[in-house]
Protein backbone atom coordinates (compact mmCIF):
# COMPACT_ATOMS: atom_id res chain seq x y z
CA UNK A 1 27.02 -41.57 75.81
CA UNK A 2 28.61 -39.78 78.10
CA UNK A 3 28.72 -35.77 76.89
CA UNK A 4 32.02 -34.60 75.20
CA UNK A 5 31.87 -31.92 78.17
CA UNK A 6 32.03 -34.31 80.84
CA UNK A 7 34.94 -36.08 79.45
CA UNK A 8 37.19 -33.07 78.98
CA UNK A 9 36.26 -32.28 82.40
CA UNK A 10 37.54 -36.00 83.78
CA UNK A 11 40.61 -35.02 81.44
CA UNK A 12 41.29 -31.52 83.10
CA UNK A 13 41.14 -33.64 86.25
CA UNK A 14 44.43 -35.18 85.97
CA UNK A 15 48.56 -34.29 85.93
CA UNK A 16 49.59 -31.30 84.46
CA UNK A 17 50.65 -33.05 81.40
CA UNK A 18 47.33 -33.90 80.46
CA UNK A 19 45.84 -30.31 81.46
CA UNK A 20 48.16 -28.10 79.56
CA UNK A 21 47.27 -30.17 76.53
CA UNK A 22 43.58 -30.33 76.61
CA UNK A 23 43.49 -26.82 77.41
CA UNK A 24 45.40 -26.30 74.14
CA UNK A 25 43.87 -28.89 72.28
CA UNK A 26 40.33 -29.66 73.38
CA UNK A 27 39.13 -26.25 75.05
CA UNK A 28 38.83 -22.40 74.30
CA UNK A 29 41.41 -21.48 77.06
CA UNK A 30 43.89 -18.60 76.10
CA UNK A 31 47.66 -18.85 75.26
CA UNK A 32 48.37 -17.56 78.78
CA UNK A 33 46.69 -19.86 80.79
CA UNK A 34 47.94 -22.77 78.75
CA UNK A 35 51.39 -21.61 79.14
CA UNK A 36 50.84 -21.31 82.83
CA UNK A 37 49.69 -24.98 82.94
CA UNK A 38 52.30 -26.08 81.07
CA UNK A 39 55.44 -24.53 83.66
CA UNK A 40 53.82 -27.01 86.05
CA UNK A 41 54.63 -29.95 84.13
CA UNK A 42 58.14 -29.98 85.14
CA UNK A 43 57.39 -29.13 89.10
CA UNK A 44 54.61 -32.11 89.80
CA UNK A 45 53.40 -35.04 88.54
CA UNK A 46 54.66 -37.47 86.20
CA UNK A 47 57.57 -35.62 84.46
CA UNK A 48 58.83 -34.05 87.65
CA UNK A 49 58.98 -37.86 89.16
CA UNK A 50 61.01 -39.18 86.04
CA UNK A 51 63.52 -35.59 86.20
CA UNK A 52 63.77 -37.04 89.90
CA UNK A 53 65.15 -40.34 88.51
CA UNK A 54 67.92 -39.31 86.19
CA UNK A 55 71.25 -40.62 87.88
CA UNK A 56 74.62 -38.38 88.41
CA UNK A 57 76.21 -39.70 84.63
CA UNK A 58 72.88 -38.49 82.65
CA UNK A 59 71.25 -42.03 82.17
CA UNK A 60 67.41 -42.90 84.03
CA UNK A 61 69.43 -45.85 85.46
CA UNK A 62 73.07 -47.36 86.16
CA UNK A 63 74.06 -47.58 82.33
CA UNK A 64 73.63 -51.11 82.14
CA UNK A 65 73.18 -52.65 78.54
CA UNK A 66 69.53 -51.15 78.64
CA UNK A 67 70.70 -47.76 79.87
CA UNK A 68 71.02 -46.27 76.61
CA UNK A 69 67.56 -47.34 75.84
CA UNK A 70 65.96 -45.88 78.89
CA UNK A 71 66.83 -42.68 78.58
CA UNK A 72 66.06 -42.74 74.96
CA UNK A 73 62.13 -44.07 76.35
CA UNK A 74 62.36 -41.58 79.24
CA UNK A 75 63.24 -38.38 76.75
CA UNK A 76 60.60 -39.67 74.69
CA UNK A 77 57.99 -39.43 77.39
CA UNK A 78 59.07 -36.36 78.31
CA UNK A 79 58.76 -34.52 75.14
CA UNK A 80 55.11 -36.16 74.69
CA UNK A 81 54.16 -34.97 78.04
CA UNK A 82 55.09 -31.39 76.86
CA UNK A 83 57.86 -30.41 79.77
CA UNK A 84 59.00 -26.94 78.60
CA UNK A 85 62.47 -27.06 77.43
CA UNK A 86 63.24 -23.76 79.10
CA UNK A 87 62.60 -24.89 82.39
CA UNK A 88 65.69 -25.05 84.34
CA UNK A 89 65.35 -28.56 86.07
CA UNK A 90 65.11 -29.70 82.17
CA UNK A 91 67.79 -27.57 81.25
CA UNK A 92 69.87 -29.42 83.86
CA UNK A 93 68.73 -32.93 82.62
CA UNK A 94 69.50 -32.08 79.03
CA UNK A 95 72.92 -30.85 80.09
CA UNK A 96 73.69 -33.98 81.76
CA UNK A 97 72.75 -36.33 78.73
CA UNK A 98 74.97 -33.91 76.54
CA UNK A 99 78.20 -33.82 78.72
CA UNK A 100 77.72 -37.32 80.15
CA UNK A 101 76.64 -39.71 77.79
CA UNK A 102 78.47 -41.20 74.83
CA UNK A 103 77.60 -44.26 72.69
CA UNK A 104 80.74 -46.00 73.97
CA UNK A 105 80.11 -49.40 72.32
CA UNK A 106 80.32 -47.68 68.83
CA UNK A 107 82.93 -45.24 68.48
CA UNK A 108 82.14 -42.71 71.71
CA UNK A 109 80.06 -40.58 69.83
CA UNK A 110 77.71 -37.92 71.82
CA UNK A 111 74.15 -39.61 72.73
CA UNK A 112 72.29 -37.00 70.32
CA UNK A 113 74.12 -38.28 67.54
CA UNK A 114 72.52 -41.45 67.72
CA UNK A 115 73.57 -45.23 67.34
CA UNK A 116 72.44 -47.32 64.25
CA UNK A 117 68.88 -48.36 64.00
CA UNK A 118 66.51 -45.71 62.57
CA UNK A 119 63.58 -46.47 65.13
CA UNK A 120 65.72 -45.82 68.08
CA UNK A 121 68.03 -42.41 66.06
CA UNK A 122 63.98 -41.11 65.06
CA UNK A 123 63.15 -40.65 68.55
CA UNK A 124 66.33 -39.26 69.35
CA UNK A 125 66.20 -36.71 67.02
CA UNK A 126 62.94 -35.93 67.88
CA UNK A 127 63.93 -35.23 71.86
CA UNK A 128 67.25 -33.94 70.58
CA UNK A 129 65.48 -31.02 68.41
CA UNK A 130 62.63 -31.04 70.93
CA UNK A 131 65.20 -30.10 74.05
CA UNK A 132 67.70 -27.80 72.26
CA UNK A 133 70.24 -30.22 71.64
CA UNK A 134 72.88 -30.87 68.43
CA UNK A 135 71.38 -33.27 66.02
CA UNK A 136 72.21 -31.93 62.93
CA UNK A 137 74.84 -34.87 61.95
CA UNK A 138 71.90 -37.49 63.11
CA UNK A 139 69.68 -35.55 60.61
CA UNK A 140 71.67 -35.98 57.82
CA UNK A 141 72.33 -39.52 58.36
CA UNK A 142 68.32 -40.42 58.63
CA UNK A 143 67.81 -38.10 55.47
CA UNK A 144 70.32 -40.31 53.60
CA UNK A 145 69.01 -43.82 55.28
CA UNK A 146 65.11 -43.00 53.69
CA UNK A 147 64.37 -45.70 51.22
CA UNK A 148 62.69 -45.37 47.56
CA UNK A 149 59.14 -46.47 49.00
CA UNK A 150 59.62 -43.64 51.37
CA UNK A 151 60.07 -44.59 54.48
CA UNK A 152 62.56 -46.00 56.67
CA UNK A 153 63.41 -49.61 58.22
CA UNK A 154 66.38 -50.57 61.21
CA UNK A 155 67.07 -53.76 59.03
CA UNK A 156 68.05 -51.85 56.22
CA UNK A 157 70.40 -52.79 54.32
CA UNK A 158 69.71 -55.40 53.32
CA UNK A 159 66.24 -54.67 53.29
CA UNK A 160 64.72 -52.55 50.69
CA UNK A 161 61.24 -52.24 52.38
CA UNK A 162 60.23 -49.68 54.95
CA UNK A 163 58.78 -50.53 58.56
CA UNK A 164 56.09 -48.57 59.94
CA UNK A 165 57.58 -48.44 63.32
CA UNK A 166 60.83 -47.51 61.90
CA UNK A 167 59.14 -44.85 59.36
CA UNK A 168 56.55 -43.29 62.64
CA UNK A 169 59.64 -42.57 64.55
CA UNK A 170 61.63 -40.79 61.69
CA UNK A 171 58.65 -39.02 60.80
CA UNK A 172 58.45 -37.77 64.35
CA UNK A 173 61.93 -36.96 64.78
CA UNK A 174 62.05 -34.74 61.24
CA UNK A 175 58.66 -32.89 62.15
CA UNK A 176 60.42 -32.07 65.91
CA UNK A 177 63.65 -30.81 63.86
CA UNK A 178 61.57 -28.39 61.75
CA UNK A 179 59.31 -27.22 64.62
CA UNK A 180 62.12 -26.26 66.34
CA UNK A 181 64.55 -25.23 63.53
CA UNK A 182 61.94 -23.89 61.14
CA UNK A 183 61.27 -25.17 57.85
CA UNK A 184 63.85 -27.05 55.42
CA UNK A 185 63.04 -27.89 52.03
CA UNK A 186 65.27 -31.00 52.16
CA UNK A 187 63.58 -31.96 55.54
CA UNK A 188 59.75 -31.38 54.39
CA UNK A 189 60.24 -33.07 51.18
CA UNK A 190 61.62 -36.12 53.35
CA UNK A 191 58.66 -35.63 55.81
CA UNK A 192 56.26 -35.79 52.58
CA UNK A 193 57.44 -39.16 50.93
CA UNK A 194 57.52 -40.53 54.54
CA UNK A 195 54.06 -39.50 55.46
CA UNK A 196 52.67 -40.92 51.51
CA UNK A 197 54.12 -43.89 52.34
CA UNK A 198 51.61 -44.26 55.34
CA UNK A 199 48.97 -42.57 53.27
CA UNK A 200 49.22 -44.98 50.15
CA UNK A 201 48.81 -48.20 52.60
CA UNK A 202 45.76 -46.28 54.64
CA UNK A 203 47.76 -46.44 57.73
CA UNK A 204 47.81 -50.07 58.06
CA UNK A 205 47.01 -52.10 55.32
CA UNK A 206 50.04 -53.70 52.94
CA UNK A 207 50.35 -51.73 49.85
CA UNK A 208 50.56 -55.52 47.66
CA UNK A 209 47.39 -57.19 49.12
CA UNK A 210 45.39 -54.52 50.85
CA UNK A 211 45.27 -56.98 54.06
CA UNK A 212 45.98 -55.25 57.35
CA UNK A 213 49.48 -55.83 58.18
CA UNK A 214 49.44 -55.99 62.09
CA UNK A 215 46.47 -56.22 64.19
CA UNK A 216 48.28 -55.09 66.92
CA UNK A 217 48.07 -51.62 65.07
CA UNK A 218 44.49 -50.99 66.17
CA UNK A 219 45.19 -51.19 69.88
CA UNK A 220 46.58 -48.57 71.54
CA UNK A 221 48.78 -47.49 73.87
CA UNK A 222 50.74 -44.61 75.82
CA UNK A 223 53.28 -44.48 75.92
CA UNK A 224 53.68 -46.03 72.32
CA UNK A 225 57.82 -46.14 72.81
CA UNK A 226 59.21 -47.61 69.37
CA UNK A 227 55.67 -49.33 68.41
CA UNK A 228 53.51 -47.70 65.33
CA UNK A 229 49.64 -48.30 66.36
CA UNK A 230 46.82 -46.15 64.08
CA UNK A 231 46.32 -43.70 66.63
CA UNK A 232 50.02 -42.62 66.81
CA UNK A 233 50.17 -42.27 63.21
CA UNK A 234 47.07 -40.36 62.70
CA UNK A 235 47.96 -38.50 65.87
CA UNK A 236 51.46 -37.22 63.72
CA UNK A 237 49.64 -36.12 60.69
CA UNK A 238 47.46 -33.86 62.72
CA UNK A 239 50.55 -32.67 64.29
CA UNK A 240 52.08 -32.00 60.58
CA UNK A 241 49.03 -30.53 59.43
CA UNK A 242 48.08 -33.04 56.67
CA UNK A 243 44.83 -32.56 55.11
CA UNK A 244 42.92 -35.38 55.82
CA UNK A 245 41.10 -37.33 53.35
CA UNK A 246 40.00 -40.59 52.03
CA UNK A 247 43.36 -42.50 52.60
CA UNK A 248 42.75 -42.04 56.57
CA UNK A 249 38.82 -42.58 56.68
CA UNK A 250 39.44 -46.23 57.65
CA UNK A 251 41.91 -45.65 60.10
CA UNK A 252 39.63 -42.71 62.31
CA UNK A 253 36.43 -45.11 61.93
CA UNK A 254 38.54 -47.65 63.63
CA UNK A 255 39.63 -44.91 66.29
CA UNK A 256 36.16 -43.74 67.01
CA UNK A 257 35.18 -47.77 66.94
CA UNK A 258 37.43 -47.96 70.33
CA UNK A 259 35.50 -45.48 72.42
CA UNK A 260 33.58 -46.43 75.04
CA UNK A 261 29.64 -45.78 76.03
CA UNK A 262 31.64 -43.58 78.99
CA UNK A 263 33.17 -41.39 75.98
CA UNK A 264 36.64 -42.61 77.06
CA UNK A 265 38.96 -44.82 75.15
CA UNK A 266 40.86 -47.61 76.86
CA UNK A 267 44.33 -48.53 77.36
CA UNK A 268 44.56 -51.02 75.13
CA UNK A 269 47.71 -52.59 76.03
CA UNK A 270 51.05 -52.01 77.41
CA UNK A 271 54.57 -52.60 75.57
CA UNK A 272 56.88 -54.86 77.61
CA UNK A 273 59.55 -52.71 77.15
CA UNK A 274 57.73 -49.65 78.39
CA UNK A 275 56.94 -51.98 81.45
CA UNK A 276 60.80 -52.94 81.50
CA UNK A 277 62.08 -49.34 80.83
CA UNK A 278 59.67 -46.69 82.16
CA UNK A 279 59.65 -46.61 85.75
CA UNK A 280 56.40 -44.55 86.23
CA UNK A 281 53.26 -45.91 87.37
CA UNK A 282 50.91 -44.16 85.13
CA UNK A 283 48.18 -46.03 83.21
CA UNK A 284 49.57 -49.52 83.28
CA UNK A 285 46.10 -50.88 83.73
CA UNK A 286 45.23 -52.50 80.21
CA UNK A 287 41.27 -52.15 79.79
CA UNK A 288 40.93 -49.23 82.01
CA UNK A 289 40.25 -45.69 81.18
CA UNK A 290 43.23 -43.82 79.73
CA UNK A 291 43.23 -40.30 79.92
CA UNK A 292 46.35 -40.01 76.90
CA UNK A 293 44.59 -42.22 74.43
CA UNK A 294 41.05 -40.54 75.17
CA UNK A 295 43.05 -36.72 74.61
CA UNK A 296 44.86 -38.22 71.59
CA UNK A 297 41.65 -39.53 70.15
CA UNK A 298 39.51 -36.55 70.75
CA UNK A 299 42.21 -34.05 68.67
CA UNK A 300 42.57 -36.46 65.95
CA UNK A 301 38.61 -36.62 65.48
CA UNK A 302 38.48 -33.08 65.68
CA UNK A 303 41.37 -32.93 63.24
CA UNK A 304 39.09 -34.91 60.81
CA UNK A 305 35.57 -33.74 61.37
CA UNK A 306 37.32 -30.19 60.55
CA UNK A 307 38.50 -30.97 57.41
C-alpha cells in the first residue's frame, strides 16, 4: 500500500481548504504556518469561488423556492472548508445574510433564527455560531426539541424516535456553538445525550434488533449536506473530544476497510441535493479519489489509534 507520507503529500497538493487542515491535523506544522495557509482559503480556490457566487440579496441564487436551502448548504461547506470568519470577504458575505435574508414563508424571522426542521436548523446553528451570528433563539429551540432517546428528528412531533440525520446535524451545531462561545452546562449535557444516542447504536445499528439501519451510511460523501454517514459521525466524535471505545470499533473498522491500495479513500457517492444546490466542480466523480474523504478518514484513524 502507498505510504502515508505519499498520501499526505497528495493531500497537500490541493486546494487551500484541504491544505490548512492537513497541516493542522496530519503534520507537525507550527501554528503560524497553519494560520497563514488558512488565510488563503477565502482568497483562492473553492471557497473563494463560492463567496463570489453570492447574490446581492444575500442568497447563493435568486431566492427561488430553494434559495434558503442553497444558502444553508453553501454556508455549511464554507464552514467545513474552514474559511476564516474574520476575513473581510467572509464578514461581508455574512452581513448580507444577516441583513437581507428572512424566512418570509414563516413569520419573517431572520435567517439565523432558523426554520422548522431540526436537520436544517442544526446546520444553521453550526454556521451561525461559526460565523459569529446571533443564534441564541435557535439554540434554545433545538435544546427544547431533544427527544427522550437523546437525539432529534425533523418529523417530531408526531414522531418520538430520533433520526441519525437530524441528530448529527444538531450535534455539529451544538459543538460549533460551544467552540465559539465557550462551554455551557446545558449545551454540553444535551450534546452528551446526543452522542450517547449514536454510541449506543454503534454508529449505524438499530438499538432493538442490532441490524444495520441503512447501508447507505457505509458510503462516504463530501459534502454530506444533511445526510448522516459513519465517517461523518466519527469525525464529529473526534472533534468533540469523545474518547473512542468499543462502541465505535466496528465503525472505525468500516472506515479502514474503505481505504484503497493507493492509501486514498474514494468519493463513494454524491448526494443529489448537493448537485442541485452547490454549484462547484469539486470531487463529483463517484469512485474517484477524494481528498476530503481521505483527510477525514486519516484523522479519524489517528483519533482512534491515540486512545
